[in-house]
Amino acid sequence: MQVSTFDSVARQIALGWIDAYQTYISPRKGFSCAHRMLHQGESCSDYVKSLFASHNLMSAVLSSRQRFRDCAAASQTLRATKSSFRCIVIPCCLPI
């Protein structure tokens, strides 16, 4: 198997797993990723899906890892912000 064939097959498998995640798991969680909630952009799964669709395997993996680190940082920011708001209504963060 050539490297380019392996790259293509691996990216197609990754895209299939992301589709399955978005279809079956994500809707049951009931929330979006922290990066999307904080920055109002695309979700991590949408972002990573676009990486695997348009970049080579190694580039997509490396960029995905960075996005997940950024999402973890966004989660910490949201957690710190939420604790200062003391929201009563869930999931809305408007104080009553």
PDB file of N, CA and C in Angstrom:
ATOM      1  N   MET A   1       0.852  -1.176   0.000  1.00  0.00           N
ATOM      2  CA  MET A   1       0.000   0.000   0.000  1.00  0.00           C
ATOM      3  C   MET A   1       0.897   1.239   0.000  1.00  0.00           C
ATOM      4  N   GLN A   2       0.647   2.147  -0.881  1.00  0.00           N
ATOM      5  CA  GLN A   2       1.437   3.367  -0.956  1.00  0.00           C
ATOM      6  C   GLN A   2       1.051   4.307   0.176  1.00  0.00           C
ATOM      7  N   VAL A   3       1.971   5.230   0.489  1.00  0.00           N
ATOM      8  CA  VAL A   3       1.723   6.195   1.557  1.00  0.00           C
ATOM      9  C   VAL A   3       0.490   7.035   1.243  1.00  0.00           C
ATOM     10  N   SER A   4       0.361   7.502   0.008  1.00  0.00           N
ATOM     11  CA  SER A   4      -0.783   8.339  -0.342  1.00  0.00           C
ATOM     12  C   SER A   4      -2.088   7.559  -0.235  1.00  0.00           C
ATOM     13  N   THR A   5      -2.061   6.252  -0.558  1.00  0.00           N
ATOM     14  CA  THR A   5      -3.263   5.428  -0.412  1.00  0.00           C
ATOM     15  C   THR A   5      -3.594   5.248   1.061  1.00  0.00           C
ATOM     16  N   PHE A   6      -2.568   4.968   1.869  1.00  0.00           N
ATOM     17  CA  PHE A   6      -2.782   4.844   3.315  1.00  0.00           C
ATOM     18  C   PHE A   6      -3.355   6.134   3.877  1.00  0.00           C
ATOM     19  N   ASP A   7      -2.781   7.263   3.478  1.00  0.00           N
ATOM     20  CA  ASP A   7      -3.243   8.574   3.942  1.00  0.00           C
ATOM     21  C   ASP A   7      -4.716   8.760   3.601  1.00  0.00           C
ATOM     22  N   SER A   8      -5.076   8.457   2.383  1.00  0.00           N
ATOM     23  CA  SER A   8      -6.461   8.631   1.926  1.00  0.00           C
ATOM     24  C   SER A   8      -7.423   7.717   2.681  1.00  0.00           C
ATOM     25  N   VAL A   9      -7.042   6.461   2.833  1.00  0.00           N
ATOM     26  CA  VAL A   9      -7.897   5.506   3.538  1.00  0.00           C
ATOM     27  C   VAL A   9      -8.044   5.904   5.011  1.00  0.00           C
ATOM     28  N   ALA A  10      -6.951   6.278   5.647  1.00  0.00           N
ATOM     29  CA  ALA A  10      -6.995   6.678   7.057  1.00  0.00           C
ATOM     30  C   ALA A  10      -7.874   7.916   7.254  1.00  0.00           C
ATOM     31  N   ARG A  11      -7.772   8.870   6.337  1.00  0.00           N
ATOM     32  CA  ARG A  11      -8.611  10.066   6.445  1.00  0.00           C
ATOM     33  C   ARG A  11     -10.087   9.717   6.246  1.00  0.00           C
ATOM     34  N   GLN A  12     -10.389   8.801   5.335  1.00  0.00           N
ATOM     35  CA  GLN A  12     -11.780   8.388   5.116  1.00  0.00           C
ATOM     36  C   GLN A  12     -12.338   7.671   6.347  1.00  0.00           C
ATOM     37  N   ILE A  13     -11.519   6.862   6.986  1.00  0.00           N
ATOM     38  CA  ILE A  13     -11.941   6.190   8.222  1.00  0.00           C
ATOM     39  C   ILE A  13     -12.204   7.222   9.313  1.00  0.00           C
ATOM     40  N   ALA A  14     -11.308   8.191   9.445  1.00  0.00           N
ATOM     41  CA  ALA A  14     -11.494   9.246  10.449  1.00  0.00           C
ATOM     42  C   ALA A  14     -12.786  10.016  10.185  1.00  0.00           C
ATOM     43  N   LEU A  15     -13.043  10.332   8.924  1.00  0.00           N
ATOM     44  CA  LEU A  15     -14.280  11.040   8.578  1.00  0.00           C
ATOM     45  C   LEU A  15     -15.512  10.203   8.922  1.00  0.00           C
ATOM     46  N   GLY A  16     -15.438   8.905   8.706  1.00  0.00           N
ATOM     47  CA  GLY A  16     -16.552   8.023   9.069  1.00  0.00           C
ATOM     48  C   GLY A  16     -16.805   8.005  10.564  1.00  0.00           C
ATOM     49  N   TRP A  17     -15.727   7.966  11.349  1.00  0.00           N
ATOM     50  CA  TRP A  17     -15.872   7.990  12.806  1.00  0.00           C
ATOM     51  C   TRP A  17     -16.447   9.327  13.287  1.00  0.00           C
ATOM     52  N   ILE A  18     -16.021  10.403  12.678  1.00  0.00           N
ATOM     53  CA  ILE A  18     -16.555  11.714  13.061  1.00  0.00           C
ATOM     54  C   ILE A  18     -18.032  11.799  12.703  1.00  0.00           C
ATOM     55  N   ASP A  19     -18.415  11.312  11.524  1.00  0.00           N
ATOM     56  CA  ASP A  19     -19.835  11.288  11.150  1.00  0.00           C
ATOM     57  C   ASP A  19     -20.652  10.484  12.157  1.00  0.00           C
ATOM     58  N   ALA A  20     -20.139   9.320  12.549  1.00  0.00           N
ATOM     59  CA  ALA A  20     -20.842   8.487  13.531  1.00  0.00           C
ATOM     60  C   ALA A  20     -20.969   9.223  14.863  1.00  0.00           C
ATOM     61  N   TYR A  21     -19.899   9.857  15.299  1.00  0.00           N
ATOM     62  CA  TYR A  21     -19.935  10.633  16.542  1.00  0.00           C
ATOM     63  C   TYR A  21     -20.996  11.730  16.457  1.00  0.00           C
ATOM     64  N   GLN A  22     -21.001  12.479  15.355  1.00  0.00           N
ATOM     65  CA  GLN A  22     -21.952  13.580  15.209  1.00  0.00           C
ATOM     66  C   GLN A  22     -23.393  13.086  15.120  1.00  0.00           C
ATOM     67  N   THR A  23     -23.596  11.916  14.553  1.00  0.00           N
ATOM     68  CA  THR A  23     -24.943  11.381  14.378  1.00  0.00           C
ATOM     69  C   THR A  23     -25.485  10.721  15.639  1.00  0.00           C
ATOM     70  N   TYR A  24     -24.662   9.932  16.321  1.00  0.00           N
ATOM     71  CA  TYR A  24     -25.169   9.096  17.407  1.00  0.00           C
ATOM     72  C   TYR A  24     -24.783   9.536  18.811  1.00  0.00           C
ATOM     73  N   ILE A  25     -23.644  10.143  18.980  1.00  0.00           N
ATOM     74  CA  ILE A  25     -23.178  10.483  20.330  1.00  0.00           C
ATOM     75  C   ILE A  25     -23.436  11.943  20.673  1.00  0.00           C
ATOM     76  N   SER A  26     -23.012  12.848  19.818  1.00  0.00           N
ATOM     77  CA  SER A  26     -23.118  14.274  20.116  1.00  0.00           C
ATOM     78  C   SER A  26     -24.544  14.729  20.442  1.00  0.00           C
ATOM     79  N   PRO A  27     -25.563  14.314  19.690  1.00  0.00           N
ATOM     80  CA  PRO A  27     -26.916  14.775  20.028  1.00  0.00           C
ATOM     81  C   PRO A  27     -27.384  14.298  21.406  1.00  0.00           C
ATOM     82  N   ARG A  28     -26.887  13.176  21.870  1.00  0.00           N
ATOM     83  CA  ARG A  28     -27.306  12.653  23.176  1.00  0.00           C
ATOM     84  C   ARG A  28     -26.628  13.380  24.330  1.00  0.00           C
ATOM     85  N   LYS A  29     -25.501  14.033  24.052  1.00  0.00           N
ATOM     86  CA  LYS A  29     -24.814  14.799  25.099  1.00  0.00           C
ATOM     87  C   LYS A  29     -25.631  16.010  25.502  1.00  0.00           C
ATOM     88  N   GLY A  30     -26.258  16.634  24.517  1.00  0.00           N
ATOM     89  CA  GLY A  30     -27.107  17.779  24.810  1.00  0.00           C
ATOM     90  C   GLY A  30     -26.365  19.098  24.938  1.00  0.00           C
ATOM     91  N   PHE A  31     -25.126  19.152  24.548  1.00  0.00           N
ATOM     92  CA  PHE A  31     -24.398  20.412  24.604  1.00  0.00           C
ATOM     93  C   PHE A  31     -23.338  20.439  23.517  1.00  0.00           C
ATOM     94  N   SER A  32     -22.794  21.601  23.264  1.00  0.00           N
ATOM     95  CA  SER A  32     -21.744  21.760  22.262  1.00  0.00           C
ATOM     96  C   SER A  32     -20.402  21.843  22.971  1.00  0.00           C
ATOM     97  N   CYS A  33     -19.341  21.737  22.218  1.00  0.00           N
ATOM     98  CA  CYS A  33     -18.013  21.785  22.828  1.00  0.00           C
ATOM     99  C   CYS A  33     -17.738  23.185  23.398  1.00  0.00           C
ATOM    100  N   ALA A  34     -16.820  23.226  24.325  1.00  0.00           N
ATOM    101  CA  ALA A  34     -16.486  24.477  25.005  1.00  0.00           C
ATOM    102  C   ALA A  34     -15.917  25.515  24.041  1.00  0.00           C
ATOM    103  N   HIS A  35     -15.138  25.075  23.072  1.00  0.00           N
ATOM    104  CA  HIS A  35     -14.552  26.010  22.115  1.00  0.00           C
ATOM    105  C   HIS A  35     -15.649  26.745  21.349  1.00  0.00           C
ATOM    106  N   ARG A  36     -16.643  26.014  20.907  1.00  0.00           N
ATOM    107  CA  ARG A  36     -17.761  26.632  20.178  1.00  0.00           C
ATOM    108  C   ARG A  36     -18.565  27.556  21.090  1.00  0.00           C
ATOM    109  N   MET A  37     -18.795  27.134  22.307  1.00  0.00           N
ATOM    110  CA  MET A  37     -19.579  27.950  23.231  1.00  0.00           C
ATOM    111  C   MET A  37     -18.863  29.263  23.552  1.00  0.00           C
ATOM    112  N   LEU A  38     -17.550  29.220  23.677  1.00  0.00           N
ATOM    113  CA  LEU A  38     -16.797  30.416  24.029  1.00  0.00           C
ATOM    114  C   LEU A  38     -16.556  31.325  22.834  1.00  0.00           C
ATOM    115  N   HIS A  39     -16.200  30.734  21.691  1.00  0.00           N
ATOM    116  CA  HIS A  39     -15.795  31.529  20.534  1.00  0.00           C
ATOM    117  C   HIS A  39     -16.856  31.668  19.446  1.00  0.00           C
ATOM    118  N   GLN A  40     -17.995  30.973  19.595  1.00  0.00           N
ATOM    119  CA  GLN A  40     -19.109  31.066  18.646  1.00  0.00           C
ATOM    120  C   GLN A  40     -18.758  30.643  17.231  1.00  0.00           C
ATOM    121  N   GLY A  41     -17.778  29.793  17.057  1.00  0.00           N
ATOM    122  CA  GLY A  41     -17.409  29.299  15.731  1.00  0.00           C
ATOM    123  C   GLY A  41     -17.955  27.903  15.525  1.00  0.00           C
ATOM    124  N   GLU A  42     -17.263  27.134  14.692  1.00  0.00           N
ATOM    125  CA  GLU A  42     -17.706  25.768  14.470  1.00  0.00           C
ATOM    126  C   GLU A  42     -17.253  24.877  15.627  1.00  0.00           C
ATOM    127  N   SER A  43     -17.979  23.796  15.826  1.00  0.00           N
ATOM    128  CA  SER A  43     -17.631  22.855  16.890  1.00  0.00           C
ATOM    129  C   SER A  43     -16.314  22.161  16.575  1.00  0.00           C
ATOM    130  N   CYS A  44     -15.735  21.538  17.572  1.00  0.00           N
ATOM    131  CA  CYS A  44     -14.483  20.814  17.353  1.00  0.00           C
ATOM    132  C   CYS A  44     -14.673  19.681  16.354  1.00  0.00           C
ATOM    133  N   SER A  45     -15.790  18.976  16.439  1.00  0.00           N
ATOM    134  CA  SER A  45     -15.984  17.875  15.498  1.00  0.00           C
ATOM    135  C   SER A  45     -16.128  18.389  14.073  1.00  0.00           C
ATOM    136  N   ASP A  46     -16.803  19.513  13.869  1.00  0.00           N
ATOM    137  CA  ASP A  46     -16.894  20.097  12.524  1.00  0.00           C
ATOM    138  C   ASP A  46     -15.527  20.569  12.036  1.00  0.00           C
ATOM    139  N   TYR A  47     -14.770  21.190  12.929  1.00  0.00           N
ATOM    140  CA  TYR A  47     -13.445  21.680  12.575  1.00  0.00           C
ATOM    141  C   TYR A  47     -12.519  20.529  12.180  1.00  0.00           C
ATOM    142  N   VAL A  48     -12.499  19.491  13.006  1.00  0.00           N
ATOM    143  CA  VAL A  48     -11.628  18.347  12.744  1.00  0.00           C
ATOM    144  C   VAL A  48     -12.080  17.621  11.476  1.00  0.00           C
ATOM    145  N   LYS A  49     -13.370  17.547  11.274  1.00  0.00           N
ATOM    146  CA  LYS A  49     -13.888  16.926  10.055  1.00  0.00           C
ATOM    147  C   LYS A  49     -13.392  17.675   8.818  1.00  0.00           C
ATOM    148  N   SER A  50     -13.404  18.989   8.872  1.00  0.00           N
ATOM    149  CA  SER A  50     -12.919  19.769   7.725  1.00  0.00           C
ATOM    150  C   SER A  50     -11.414  19.587   7.533  1.00  0.00           C
ATOM    151  N   LEU A  51     -10.669  19.409   8.622  1.00  0.00           N
ATOM    152  CA  LEU A  51      -9.230  19.157   8.508  1.00  0.00           C
ATOM    153  C   LEU A  51      -8.965  17.847   7.777  1.00  0.00           C
ATOM    154  N   PHE A  52      -9.652  16.778   8.188  1.00  0.00           N
ATOM    155  CA  PHE A  52      -9.431  15.478   7.569  1.00  0.00           C
ATOM    156  C   PHE A  52      -9.910  15.456   6.119  1.00  0.00           C
ATOM    157  N   ALA A  53     -10.862  16.294   5.782  1.00  0.00           N
ATOM    158  CA  ALA A  53     -11.352  16.351   4.406  1.00  0.00           C
ATOM    159  C   ALA A  53     -10.403  17.118   3.484  1.00  0.00           C
ATOM    160  N   SER A  54      -9.628  18.043   4.048  1.00  0.00           N
ATOM    161  CA  SER A  54      -8.854  18.931   3.176  1.00  0.00           C
ATOM    162  C   SER A  54      -7.334  18.903   3.379  1.00  0.00           C
ATOM    163  N   HIS A  55      -6.840  18.207   4.386  1.00  0.00           N
ATOM    164  CA  HIS A  55      -5.401  18.168   4.659  1.00  0.00           C
ATOM    165  C   HIS A  55      -4.900  16.733   4.636  1.00  0.00           C
ATOM    166  N   ASN A  56      -3.581  16.579   4.587  1.00  0.00           N
ATOM    167  CA  ASN A  56      -3.034  15.230   4.695  1.00  0.00           C
ATOM    168  C   ASN A  56      -3.180  14.738   6.133  1.00  0.00           C
ATOM    169  N   LEU A  57      -2.990  13.445   6.314  1.00  0.00           N
ATOM    170  CA  LEU A  57      -3.251  12.808   7.600  1.00  0.00           C
ATOM    171  C   LEU A  57      -2.456  13.432   8.743  1.00  0.00           C
ATOM    172  N   MET A  58      -1.151  13.591   8.578  1.00  0.00           N
ATOM    173  CA  MET A  58      -0.316  14.107   9.661  1.00  0.00           C
ATOM    174  C   MET A  58      -0.699  15.535  10.023  1.00  0.00           C
ATOM    175  N   SER A  59      -0.919  16.359   9.041  1.00  0.00           N
ATOM    176  CA  SER A  59      -1.315  17.740   9.287  1.00  0.00           C
ATOM    177  C   SER A  59      -2.655  17.807  10.022  1.00  0.00           C
ATOM    178  N   ALA A  60      -3.598  16.970   9.602  1.00  0.00           N
ATOM    179  CA  ALA A  60      -4.918  16.949  10.242  1.00  0.00           C
ATOM    180  C   ALA A  60      -4.812  16.495  11.698  1.00  0.00           C
ATOM    181  N   VAL A  61      -3.997  15.486  11.948  1.00  0.00           N
ATOM    182  CA  VAL A  61      -3.833  14.984  13.317  1.00  0.00           C
ATOM    183  C   VAL A  61      -3.201  16.053  14.206  1.00  0.00           C
ATOM    184  N   LEU A  62      -2.146  16.681  13.724  1.00  0.00           N
ATOM    185  CA  LEU A  62      -1.464  17.705  14.522  1.00  0.00           C
ATOM    186  C   LEU A  62      -2.378  18.898  14.801  1.00  0.00           C
ATOM    187  N   SER A  63      -3.099  19.350  13.799  1.00  0.00           N
ATOM    188  CA  SER A  63      -4.018  20.480  13.990  1.00  0.00           C
ATOM    189  C   SER A  63      -5.177  20.102  14.908  1.00  0.00           C
ATOM    190  N   SER A  64      -5.617  18.850  14.829  1.00  0.00           N
ATOM    191  CA  SER A  64      -6.686  18.376  15.711  1.00  0.00           C
ATOM    192  C   SER A  64      -6.242  18.406  17.163  1.00  0.00           C
ATOM    193  N   ARG A  65      -5.020  17.954  17.401  1.00  0.00           N
ATOM    194  CA  ARG A  65      -4.503  17.951  18.767  1.00  0.00           C
ATOM    195  C   ARG A  65      -4.467  19.373  19.338  1.00  0.00           C
ATOM    196  N   GLN A  66      -4.048  20.331  18.508  1.00  0.00           N
ATOM    197  CA  GLN A  66      -4.016  21.714  18.969  1.00  0.00           C
ATOM    198  C   GLN A  66      -5.427  22.212  19.260  1.00  0.00           C
ATOM    199  N   ARG A  67      -6.387  21.858  18.408  1.00  0.00           N
ATOM    200  CA  ARG A  67      -7.767  22.302  18.626  1.00  0.00           C
ATOM    201  C   ARG A  67      -8.304  21.741  19.935  1.00  0.00           C
ATOM    202  N   PHE A  68      -8.001  20.473  20.239  1.00  0.00           N
ATOM    203  CA  PHE A  68      -8.481  19.886  21.486  1.00  0.00           C
ATOM    204  C   PHE A  68      -7.825  20.546  22.702  1.00  0.00           C
ATOM    205  N   ARG A  69      -6.572  20.960  22.571  1.00  0.00           N
ATOM    206  CA  ARG A  69      -5.942  21.718  23.664  1.00  0.00           C
ATOM    207  C   ARG A  69      -6.638  23.067  23.836  1.00  0.00           C
ATOM    208  N   ASP A  70      -6.942  23.721  22.718  1.00  0.00           N
ATOM    209  CA  ASP A  70      -7.652  25.001  22.776  1.00  0.00           C
ATOM    210  C   ASP A  70      -9.042  24.829  23.381  1.00  0.00           C
ATOM    211  N   CYS A  71      -9.700  23.721  23.070  1.00  0.00           N
ATOM    212  CA  CYS A  71     -11.025  23.454  23.625  1.00  0.00           C
ATOM    213  C   CYS A  71     -10.947  23.222  25.138  1.00  0.00           C
ATOM    214  N   ALA A  72      -9.911  22.535  25.582  1.00  0.00           N
ATOM    215  CA  ALA A  72      -9.718  22.323  27.020  1.00  0.00           C
ATOM    216  C   ALA A  72      -9.506  23.659  27.733  1.00  0.00           C
ATOM    217  N   ALA A  73      -8.746  24.557  27.113  1.00  0.00           N
ATOM    218  CA  ALA A  73      -8.531  25.883  27.699  1.00  0.00           C
ATOM    219  C   ALA A  73      -9.844  26.665  27.728  1.00  0.00           C
ATOM    220  N   ALA A  74     -10.648  26.546  26.668  1.00  0.00           N
ATOM    221  CA  ALA A  74     -11.950  27.221  26.633  1.00  0.00           C
ATOM    222  C   ALA A  74     -12.860  26.676  27.728  1.00  0.00           C
ATOM    223  N   SER A  75     -12.773  25.390  27.980  1.00  0.00           N
ATOM    224  CA  SER A  75     -13.570  24.778  29.047  1.00  0.00           C
ATOM    225  C   SER A  75     -13.196  25.355  30.409  1.00  0.00           C
ATOM    226  N   GLN A  76     -11.911  25.531  30.645  1.00  0.00           N
ATOM    227  CA  GLN A  76     -11.471  26.126  31.915  1.00  0.00           C
ATOM    228  C   GLN A  76     -11.961  27.563  32.038  1.00  0.00           C
ATOM    229  N   THR A  77     -11.918  28.304  30.945  1.00  0.00           N
ATOM    230  CA  THR A  77     -12.409  29.688  30.952  1.00  0.00           C
ATOM    231  C   THR A  77     -13.898  29.724  31.250  1.00  0.00           C
ATOM    232  N   LEU A  78     -14.663  28.869  30.607  1.00  0.00           N
ATOM    233  CA  LEU A  78     -16.111  28.837  30.839  1.00  0.00           C
ATOM    234  C   LEU A  78     -16.436  28.418  32.271  1.00  0.00           C
ATOM    235  N   ARG A  79     -15.685  27.445  32.771  1.00  0.00           N
ATOM    236  CA  ARG A  79     -15.916  27.002  34.144  1.00  0.00           C
ATOM    237  C   ARG A  79     -15.664  28.140  35.127  1.00  0.00           C
ATOM    238  N   ALA A  80     -14.606  28.910  34.911  1.00  0.00           N
ATOM    239  CA  ALA A  80     -14.286  30.036  35.785  1.00  0.00           C
ATOM    240  C   ALA A  80     -15.344  31.130  35.673  1.00  0.00           C
ATOM    241  N   THR A  81     -15.812  31.388  34.464  1.00  0.00           N
ATOM    242  CA  THR A  81     -16.847  32.401  34.249  1.00  0.00           C
ATOM    243  C   THR A  81     -18.168  31.967  34.854  1.00  0.00           C
ATOM    244  N   LYS A  82     -18.523  30.709  34.674  1.00  0.00           N
ATOM    245  CA  LYS A  82     -19.799  30.200  35.184  1.00  0.00           C
ATOM    246  C   LYS A  82     -19.843  30.265  36.703  1.00  0.00           C
ATOM    247  N   SER A  83     -18.740  29.974  37.363  1.00  0.00           N
ATOM    248  CA  SER A  83     -18.737  29.996  38.818  1.00  0.00           C
ATOM    249  C   SER A  83     -18.937  31.406  39.349  1.00  0.00           C
ATOM    250  N   SER A  84     -18.550  32.417  38.575  1.00  0.00           N
ATOM    251  CA  SER A  84     -18.750  33.784  39.041  1.00  0.00           C
ATOM    252  C   SER A  84     -20.182  34.256  38.790  1.00  0.00           C
ATOM    253  N   PHE A  85     -20.885  33.640  37.806  1.00  0.00           N
ATOM    254  CA  PHE A  85     -22.265  34.022  37.527  1.00  0.00           C
ATOM    255  C   PHE A  85     -23.257  33.383  38.482  1.00  0.00           C
ATOM    256  N   ARG A  86     -22.994  32.186  38.928  1.00  0.00           N
ATOM    257  CA  ARG A  86     -23.907  31.435  39.785  1.00  0.00           C
ATOM    258  C   ARG A  86     -25.278  31.304  39.133  1.00  0.00           C
ATOM    259  N   CYS A  87     -25.306  30.743  37.942  1.00  0.00           N
ATOM    260  CA  CYS A  87     -26.553  30.564  37.196  1.00  0.00           C
ATOM    261  C   CYS A  87     -27.523  29.683  37.967  1.00  0.00           C
ATOM    262  N   ILE A  88     -28.784  30.038  37.877  1.00  0.00           N
ATOM    263  CA  ILE A  88     -29.841  29.251  38.492  1.00  0.00           C
ATOM    264  C   ILE A  88     -30.576  28.439  37.442  1.00  0.00           C
ATOM    265  N   VAL A  89     -30.826  29.044  36.285  1.00  0.00           N
ATOM    266  CA  VAL A  89     -31.550  28.376  35.213  1.00  0.00           C
ATOM    267  C   VAL A  89     -30.557  27.608  34.357  1.00  0.00           C
ATOM    268  N   ILE A  90     -30.815  26.334  34.119  1.00  0.00           N
ATOM    269  CA  ILE A  90     -29.906  25.529  33.313  1.00  0.00           C
ATOM    270  C   ILE A  90     -30.641  25.126  32.047  1.00  0.00           C
ATOM    271  N   PRO A  91     -30.110  25.254  30.845  1.00  0.00           N
ATOM    272  CA  PRO A  91     -28.732  25.560  30.523  1.00  0.00           C
ATOM    273  C   PRO A  91     -28.465  27.040  30.327  1.00  0.00           C
ATOM    274  N   CYS A  92     -29.458  27.887  30.482  1.00  0.00           N
ATOM    275  CA  CYS A  92     -29.275  29.322  30.257  1.00  0.00           C
ATOM    276  C   CYS A  92     -28.417  29.913  31.373  1.00  0.00           C
ATOM    277  N   CYS A  93     -27.543  30.820  30.999  1.00  0.00           N
ATOM    278  CA  CYS A  93     -26.674  31.438  31.995  1.00  0.00           C
ATOM    279  C   CYS A  93     -27.102  32.875  32.306  1.00  0.00           C
ATOM    280  N   LEU A  94     -28.362  33.168  32.151  1.00  0.00           N
ATOM    281  CA  LEU A  94     -28.860  34.489  32.529  1.00  0.00           C
ATOM    282  C   LEU A  94     -29.232  34.455  34.000  1.00  0.00           C
ATOM    283  N   PRO A  95     -28.672  35.350  34.800  1.00  0.00           N
ATOM    284  CA  PRO A  95     -29.017  35.355  36.228  1.00  0.00           C
ATOM    285  C   PRO A  95     -30.471  35.741  36.440  1.00  0.00           C
ATOM    286  N   ILE A  96     -31.083  35.133  37.411  1.00  0.00           N
ATOM    287  CA  ILE A  96     -32.485  35.458  37.742  1.00  0.00           C
ATOM    288  C   ILE A  96     -32.514  36.473  38.859  1.00  0.00           C
TER     289      ILE A  96
END
